[in-house]
Amino acid sequence: MTGSEYVPRGSPIQLVCNATGHPDPPLDIDWFKDGRMILSDAQSGLIVTKKADSSTLVSVLAVRHSKMTDAGEYS
C-alpha cells in the first residue's frame, strides 16, 4: 500500500499488515516510522498486536489519539 492518508488530530489510527507464508506464517512483523523501528507502548497510546493462524500473521499498529508527531512514513 502506498499513498497518503490524513486524519484529524486526536483521531485514532489503525494500520494492518497481513503477511502470508507457506507452509507456515512468518515468525514476526516489525513496524517502522520514518525508518525507525516502533515498539508497542500502551502508556503512550501506541499498541502493536500480532495474531497468527495456519498461514497468515496479522499485525495491527494502533495509535489511540493521533498527534502531529505521529505524522510520517510507516512501513
PDB file of N, CA and C in Angstrom:
ATOM      1  N   MET A   1       0.844  -1.169   0.000  1.00  0.00           N
ATOM      2  CA  MET A   1       0.000   0.000   0.000  1.00  0.00           C
ATOM      3  C   MET A   1       0.890   1.233   0.000  1.00  0.00           C
ATOM      4  N   THR A   2       0.551   2.167  -0.810  1.00  0.00           N
ATOM      5  CA  THR A   2       1.298   3.412  -0.852  1.00  0.00           C
ATOM      6  C   THR A   2       0.320   4.567  -0.873  1.00  0.00           C
ATOM      7  N   GLY A   3       0.829   5.756  -0.712  1.00  0.00           N
ATOM      8  CA  GLY A   3      -0.018   6.929  -0.745  1.00  0.00           C
ATOM      9  C   GLY A   3      -0.072   7.612   0.600  1.00  0.00           C
ATOM     10  N   SER A   4      -0.896   8.625   0.671  1.00  0.00           N
ATOM     11  CA  SER A   4      -1.024   9.416   1.896  1.00  0.00           C
ATOM     12  C   SER A   4      -2.425   9.309   2.445  1.00  0.00           C
ATOM     13  N   GLU A   5      -2.523   9.261   3.739  1.00  0.00           N
ATOM     14  CA  GLU A   5      -3.796   9.303   4.449  1.00  0.00           C
ATOM     15  C   GLU A   5      -3.701  10.427   5.470  1.00  0.00           C
ATOM     16  N   TYR A   6      -4.763  11.154   5.628  1.00  0.00           N
ATOM     17  CA  TYR A   6      -4.792  12.243   6.595  1.00  0.00           C
ATOM     18  C   TYR A   6      -5.910  11.979   7.585  1.00  0.00           C
ATOM     19  N   VAL A   7      -5.624  12.181   8.859  1.00  0.00           N
ATOM     20  CA  VAL A   7      -6.635  12.026   9.906  1.00  0.00           C
ATOM     21  C   VAL A   7      -6.629  13.283  10.764  1.00  0.00           C
ATOM     22  N   PRO A   8      -7.782  13.653  11.307  1.00  0.00           N
ATOM     23  CA  PRO A   8      -7.815  14.809  12.203  1.00  0.00           C
ATOM     24  C   PRO A   8      -7.000  14.526  13.468  1.00  0.00           C
ATOM     25  N   ARG A   9      -6.310  15.533  13.960  1.00  0.00           N
ATOM     26  CA  ARG A   9      -5.553  15.391  15.204  1.00  0.00           C
ATOM     27  C   ARG A   9      -6.481  14.902  16.304  1.00  0.00           C
ATOM     28  N   GLY A  10      -6.016  13.928  17.069  1.00  0.00           N
ATOM     29  CA  GLY A  10      -6.813  13.348  18.150  1.00  0.00           C
ATOM     30  C   GLY A  10      -7.576  12.096  17.738  1.00  0.00           C
ATOM     31  N   SER A  11      -7.661  11.848  16.427  1.00  0.00           N
ATOM     32  CA  SER A  11      -8.369  10.663  15.936  1.00  0.00           C
ATOM     33  C   SER A  11      -7.482   9.424  16.076  1.00  0.00           C
ATOM     34  N   PRO A  12      -8.101   8.257  16.190  1.00  0.00           N
ATOM     35  CA  PRO A  12      -7.301   7.027  16.218  1.00  0.00           C
ATOM     36  C   PRO A  12      -6.781   6.697  14.822  1.00  0.00           C
ATOM     37  N   ILE A  13      -5.664   5.981  14.800  1.00  0.00           N
ATOM     38  CA  ILE A  13      -5.080   5.481  13.556  1.00  0.00           C
ATOM     39  C   ILE A  13      -4.920   3.979  13.721  1.00  0.00           C
ATOM     40  N   GLN A  14      -5.256   3.222  12.682  1.00  0.00           N
ATOM     41  CA  GLN A  14      -5.066   1.775  12.716  1.00  0.00           C
ATOM     42  C   GLN A  14      -4.494   1.327  11.379  1.00  0.00           C
ATOM     43  N   LEU A  15      -3.299   0.741  11.429  1.00  0.00           N
ATOM     44  CA  LEU A  15      -2.654   0.191  10.246  1.00  0.00           C
ATOM     45  C   LEU A  15      -2.583  -1.321  10.406  1.00  0.00           C
ATOM     46  N   VAL A  16      -2.900  -2.058   9.339  1.00  0.00           N
ATOM     47  CA  VAL A  16      -2.945  -3.519   9.402  1.00  0.00           C
ATOM     48  C   VAL A  16      -2.011  -4.102   8.347  1.00  0.00           C
ATOM     49  N   CYS A  17      -1.234  -5.093   8.757  1.00  0.00           N
ATOM     50  CA  CYS A  17      -0.360  -5.820   7.838  1.00  0.00           C
ATOM     51  C   CYS A  17      -0.700  -7.303   7.910  1.00  0.00           C
ATOM     52  N   ASN A  18      -0.990  -7.912   6.760  1.00  0.00           N
ATOM     53  CA  ASN A  18      -1.225  -9.355   6.646  1.00  0.00           C
ATOM     54  C   ASN A  18      -0.037  -9.950   5.903  1.00  0.00           C
ATOM     55  N   ALA A  19       0.723 -10.813   6.563  1.00  0.00           N
ATOM     56  CA  ALA A  19       1.869 -11.466   5.930  1.00  0.00           C
ATOM     57  C   ALA A  19       1.571 -12.960   5.839  1.00  0.00           C
ATOM     58  N   THR A  20       1.664 -13.507   4.632  1.00  0.00           N
ATOM     59  CA  THR A  20       1.340 -14.905   4.404  1.00  0.00           C
ATOM     60  C   THR A  20       2.593 -15.681   4.027  1.00  0.00           C
ATOM     61  N   GLY A  21       2.698 -16.900   4.552  1.00  0.00           N
ATOM     62  CA  GLY A  21       3.810 -17.783   4.214  1.00  0.00           C
ATOM     63  C   GLY A  21       3.297 -19.181   3.950  1.00  0.00           C
ATOM     64  N   HIS A  22       4.138 -19.993   3.327  1.00  0.00           N
ATOM     65  CA  HIS A  22       3.725 -21.369   3.047  1.00  0.00           C
ATOM     66  C   HIS A  22       4.887 -22.290   3.365  1.00  0.00           C
ATOM     67  N   PRO A  23       4.787 -23.253   4.176  1.00  0.00           N
ATOM     68  CA  PRO A  23       3.556 -23.757   4.781  1.00  0.00           C
ATOM     69  C   PRO A  23       3.202 -23.056   6.096  1.00  0.00           C
ATOM     70  N   ASP A  24       4.124 -22.264   6.655  1.00  0.00           N
ATOM     71  CA  ASP A  24       3.864 -21.591   7.931  1.00  0.00           C
ATOM     72  C   ASP A  24       3.890 -20.077   7.747  1.00  0.00           C
ATOM     73  N   PRO A  25       3.191 -19.350   8.640  1.00  0.00           N
ATOM     74  CA  PRO A  25       3.232 -17.893   8.558  1.00  0.00           C
ATOM     75  C   PRO A  25       4.610 -17.371   8.954  1.00  0.00           C
ATOM     76  N   PRO A  26       4.948 -16.130   8.572  1.00  0.00           N
ATOM     77  CA  PRO A  26       6.199 -15.528   9.025  1.00  0.00           C
ATOM     78  C   PRO A  26       6.254 -15.529  10.554  1.00  0.00           C
ATOM     79  N   LEU A  27       7.441 -15.509  11.103  1.00  0.00           N
ATOM     80  CA  LEU A  27       7.598 -15.536  12.557  1.00  0.00           C
ATOM     81  C   LEU A  27       7.285 -14.204  13.209  1.00  0.00           C
ATOM     82  N   ASP A  28       7.506 -13.099  12.494  1.00  0.00           N
ATOM     83  CA  ASP A  28       7.311 -11.794  13.120  1.00  0.00           C
ATOM     84  C   ASP A  28       7.097 -10.728  12.055  1.00  0.00           C
ATOM     85  N   ILE A  29       6.537  -9.616  12.475  1.00  0.00           N
ATOM     86  CA  ILE A  29       6.386  -8.420  11.648  1.00  0.00           C
ATOM     87  C   ILE A  29       6.884  -7.257  12.486  1.00  0.00           C
ATOM     88  N   ASP A  30       7.739  -6.428  11.895  1.00  0.00           N
ATOM     89  CA  ASP A  30       8.212  -5.225  12.578  1.00  0.00           C
ATOM     90  C   ASP A  30       7.606  -4.014  11.894  1.00  0.00           C
ATOM     91  N   TRP A  31       7.225  -3.018  12.675  1.00  0.00           N
ATOM     92  CA  TRP A  31       6.688  -1.764  12.175  1.00  0.00           C
ATOM     93  C   TRP A  31       7.770  -0.693  12.276  1.00  0.00           C
ATOM     94  N   PHE A  32       7.803   0.206  11.275  1.00  0.00           N
ATOM     95  CA  PHE A  32       8.774   1.294  11.261  1.00  0.00           C
ATOM     96  C   PHE A  32       8.065   2.608  10.957  1.00  0.00           C
ATOM     97  N   LYS A  33       8.557   3.682  11.571  1.00  0.00           N
ATOM     98  CA  LYS A  33       8.085   5.036  11.266  1.00  0.00           C
ATOM     99  C   LYS A  33       9.315   5.841  10.895  1.00  0.00           C
ATOM    100  N   ASP A  34       9.318   6.373   9.680  1.00  0.00           N
ATOM    101  CA  ASP A  34      10.456   7.142   9.186  1.00  0.00           C
ATOM    102  C   ASP A  34      11.769   6.387   9.359  1.00  0.00           C
ATOM    103  N   GLY A  35      11.727   5.066   9.119  1.00  0.00           N
ATOM    104  CA  GLY A  35      12.921   4.245   9.165  1.00  0.00           C
ATOM    105  C   GLY A  35      13.331   3.745  10.539  1.00  0.00           C
ATOM    106  N   ARG A  36      12.619   4.140  11.579  1.00  0.00           N
ATOM    107  CA  ARG A  36      12.943   3.693  12.943  1.00  0.00           C
ATOM    108  C   ARG A  36      11.913   2.688  13.429  1.00  0.00           C
ATOM    109  N   MET A  37      12.409   1.596  14.020  1.00  0.00           N
ATOM    110  CA  MET A  37      11.500   0.555  14.483  1.00  0.00           C
ATOM    111  C   MET A  37      10.594   1.086  15.602  1.00  0.00           C
ATOM    112  N   ILE A  38       9.314   0.688  15.529  1.00  0.00           N
ATOM    113  CA  ILE A  38       8.309   1.095  16.515  1.00  0.00           C
ATOM    114  C   ILE A  38       8.138  -0.035  17.527  1.00  0.00           C
ATOM    115  N   LEU A  39       8.146   0.311  18.795  1.00  0.00           N
ATOM    116  CA  LEU A  39       7.871  -0.644  19.862  1.00  0.00           C
ATOM    117  C   LEU A  39       6.534  -0.289  20.494  1.00  0.00           C
ATOM    118  N   SER A  40       5.775  -1.298  20.854  1.00  0.00           N
ATOM    119  CA  SER A  40       4.486  -1.089  21.496  1.00  0.00           C
ATOM    120  C   SER A  40       4.695  -0.384  22.831  1.00  0.00           C
ATOM    121  N   ASP A  41       3.885   0.639  23.095  1.00  0.00           N
ATOM    122  CA  ASP A  41       3.971   1.392  24.349  1.00  0.00           C
ATOM    123  C   ASP A  41       2.563   1.832  24.732  1.00  0.00           C
ATOM    124  N   ALA A  42       1.857   0.975  25.465  1.00  0.00           N
ATOM    125  CA  ALA A  42       0.460   1.253  25.822  1.00  0.00           C
ATOM    126  C   ALA A  42       0.317   2.558  26.588  1.00  0.00           C
ATOM    127  N   GLN A  43       1.310   2.912  27.366  1.00  0.00           N
ATOM    128  CA  GLN A  43       1.233   4.140  28.163  1.00  0.00           C
ATOM    129  C   GLN A  43       1.152   5.385  27.270  1.00  0.00           C
ATOM    130  N   SER A  44       1.838   5.340  26.120  1.00  0.00           N
ATOM    131  CA  SER A  44       1.784   6.484  25.208  1.00  0.00           C
ATOM    132  C   SER A  44       0.667   6.339  24.178  1.00  0.00           C
ATOM    133  N   GLY A  45      -0.076   5.213  24.220  1.00  0.00           N
ATOM    134  CA  GLY A  45      -1.199   5.016  23.308  1.00  0.00           C
ATOM    135  C   GLY A  45      -0.816   4.405  21.981  1.00  0.00           C
ATOM    136  N   LEU A  46       0.373   3.798  21.905  1.00  0.00           N
ATOM    137  CA  LEU A  46       0.852   3.152  20.690  1.00  0.00           C
ATOM    138  C   LEU A  46       0.906   1.651  20.953  1.00  0.00           C
ATOM    139  N   ILE A  47       0.047   0.901  20.256  1.00  0.00           N
ATOM    140  CA  ILE A  47      -0.094  -0.524  20.556  1.00  0.00           C
ATOM    141  C   ILE A  47       0.108  -1.350  19.290  1.00  0.00           C
ATOM    142  N   VAL A  48       0.998  -2.352  19.389  1.00  0.00           N
ATOM    143  CA  VAL A  48       1.220  -3.295  18.284  1.00  0.00           C
ATOM    144  C   VAL A  48       0.716  -4.654  18.752  1.00  0.00           C
ATOM    145  N   THR A  49      -0.197  -5.238  17.970  1.00  0.00           N
ATOM    146  CA  THR A  49      -0.688  -6.585  18.281  1.00  0.00           C
ATOM    147  C   THR A  49      -0.364  -7.504  17.112  1.00  0.00           C
ATOM    148  N   LYS A  50      -0.232  -8.794  17.424  1.00  0.00           N
ATOM    149  CA  LYS A  50       0.065  -9.793  16.404  1.00  0.00           C
ATOM    150  C   LYS A  50      -0.771 -11.034  16.664  1.00  0.00           C
ATOM    151  N   LYS A  51      -1.257 -11.622  15.561  1.00  0.00           N
ATOM    152  CA  LYS A  51      -2.065 -12.835  15.675  1.00  0.00           C
ATOM    153  C   LYS A  51      -1.758 -13.720  14.475  1.00  0.00           C
ATOM    154  N   ALA A  52      -1.455 -14.988  14.740  1.00  0.00           N
ATOM    155  CA  ALA A  52      -1.130 -15.921  13.656  1.00  0.00           C
ATOM    156  C   ALA A  52      -2.207 -16.987  13.551  1.00  0.00           C
ATOM    157  N   ASP A  53      -2.494 -17.393  12.301  1.00  0.00           N
ATOM    158  CA  ASP A  53      -3.326 -18.574  12.080  1.00  0.00           C
ATOM    159  C   ASP A  53      -2.493 -19.551  11.258  1.00  0.00           C
ATOM    160  N   SER A  54      -3.098 -20.443  10.527  1.00  0.00           N
ATOM    161  CA  SER A  54      -2.366 -21.522   9.861  1.00  0.00           C
ATOM    162  C   SER A  54      -1.318 -21.036   8.862  1.00  0.00           C
ATOM    163  N   SER A  55      -1.577 -19.950   8.144  1.00  0.00           N
ATOM    164  CA  SER A  55      -0.602 -19.493   7.155  1.00  0.00           C
ATOM    165  C   SER A  55      -0.397 -17.984   7.128  1.00  0.00           C
ATOM    166  N   THR A  56      -1.071 -17.242   8.004  1.00  0.00           N
ATOM    167  CA  THR A  56      -1.008 -15.780   7.964  1.00  0.00           C
ATOM    168  C   THR A  56      -0.693 -15.213   9.336  1.00  0.00           C
ATOM    169  N   LEU A  57       0.177 -14.213   9.352  1.00  0.00           N
ATOM    170  CA  LEU A  57       0.454 -13.438  10.556  1.00  0.00           C
ATOM    171  C   LEU A  57      -0.129 -12.050  10.316  1.00  0.00           C
ATOM    172  N   VAL A  58      -1.021 -11.618  11.202  1.00  0.00           N
ATOM    173  CA  VAL A  58      -1.647 -10.306  11.089  1.00  0.00           C
ATOM    174  C   VAL A  58      -1.132  -9.439  12.223  1.00  0.00           C
ATOM    175  N   SER A  59      -0.627  -8.262  11.868  1.00  0.00           N
ATOM    176  CA  SER A  59      -0.161  -7.321  12.875  1.00  0.00           C
ATOM    177  C   SER A  59      -0.916  -6.010  12.703  1.00  0.00           C
ATOM    178  N   VAL A  60      -1.318  -5.418  13.821  1.00  0.00           N
ATOM    179  CA  VAL A  60      -2.047  -4.151  13.807  1.00  0.00           C
ATOM    180  C   VAL A  60      -1.257  -3.137  14.619  1.00  0.00           C
ATOM    181  N   LEU A  61      -1.023  -1.982  14.012  1.00  0.00           N
ATOM    182  CA  LEU A  61      -0.413  -0.849  14.706  1.00  0.00           C
ATOM    183  C   LEU A  61      -1.530   0.138  14.976  1.00  0.00           C
ATOM    184  N   ALA A  62      -1.795   0.396  16.251  1.00  0.00           N
ATOM    185  CA  ALA A  62      -2.893   1.297  16.621  1.00  0.00           C
ATOM    186  C   ALA A  62      -2.347   2.476  17.421  1.00  0.00           C
ATOM    187  N   VAL A  63      -2.789   3.665  17.040  1.00  0.00           N
ATOM    188  CA  VAL A  63      -2.482   4.891  17.771  1.00  0.00           C
ATOM    189  C   VAL A  63      -3.807   5.373  18.336  1.00  0.00           C
ATOM    190  N   ARG A  64      -3.918   5.428  19.651  1.00  0.00           N
ATOM    191  CA  ARG A  64      -5.209   5.783  20.263  1.00  0.00           C
ATOM    192  C   ARG A  64      -5.655   7.200  19.937  1.00  0.00           C
ATOM    193  N   HIS A  65      -4.784   8.171  20.142  1.00  0.00           N
ATOM    194  CA  HIS A  65      -5.117   9.588  19.898  1.00  0.00           C
ATOM    195  C   HIS A  65      -3.956  10.203  19.125  1.00  0.00           C
ATOM    196  N   SER A  66      -4.136  10.406  17.830  1.00  0.00           N
ATOM    197  CA  SER A  66      -3.046  10.897  16.993  1.00  0.00           C
ATOM    198  C   SER A  66      -2.623  12.309  17.381  1.00  0.00           C
ATOM    199  N   LYS A  67      -1.316  12.523  17.227  1.00  0.00           N
ATOM    200  CA  LYS A  67      -0.712  13.829  17.479  1.00  0.00           C
ATOM    201  C   LYS A  67       0.070  14.223  16.234  1.00  0.00           C
ATOM    202  N   MET A  68       0.463  15.469  16.130  1.00  0.00           N
ATOM    203  CA  MET A  68       1.251  15.917  14.982  1.00  0.00           C
ATOM    204  C   MET A  68       2.554  15.126  14.880  1.00  0.00           C
ATOM    205  N   THR A  69       3.111  14.695  16.003  1.00  0.00           N
ATOM    206  CA  THR A  69       4.357  13.915  15.983  1.00  0.00           C
ATOM    207  C   THR A  69       4.155  12.516  15.408  1.00  0.00           C
ATOM    208  N   ASP A  70       2.918  12.072  15.231  1.00  0.00           N
ATOM    209  CA  ASP A  70       2.636  10.774  14.609  1.00  0.00           C
ATOM    210  C   ASP A  70       2.719  10.843  13.082  1.00  0.00           C
ATOM    211  N   ALA A  71       2.807  12.044  12.530  1.00  0.00           N
ATOM    212  CA  ALA A  71       2.928  12.197  11.087  1.00  0.00           C
ATOM    213  C   ALA A  71       4.251  11.596  10.630  1.00  0.00           C
ATOM    214  N   GLY A  72       4.231  10.911   9.493  1.00  0.00           N
ATOM    215  CA  GLY A  72       5.456  10.341   8.953  1.00  0.00           C
ATOM    216  C   GLY A  72       5.147   9.209   7.999  1.00  0.00           C
ATOM    217  N   GLU A  73       6.183   8.495   7.627  1.00  0.00           N
ATOM    218  CA  GLU A  73       6.057   7.358   6.723  1.00  0.00           C
ATOM    219  C   GLU A  73       6.159   6.076   7.517  1.00  0.00           C
ATOM    220  N   TYR A  74       5.117   5.242   7.418  1.00  0.00           N
ATOM    221  CA  TYR A  74       5.051   3.987   8.157  1.00  0.00           C
ATOM    222  C   TYR A  74       5.266   2.826   7.194  1.00  0.00           C
ATOM    223  N   SER A  75       5.993   1.836   7.663  1.00  0.00           N
ATOM    224  CA  SER A  75       6.182   0.620   6.866  1.00  0.00           C
ATOM    225  C   SER A  75       6.265  -0.564   7.799  1.00  0.00           C
TER     226      SER A  75
END
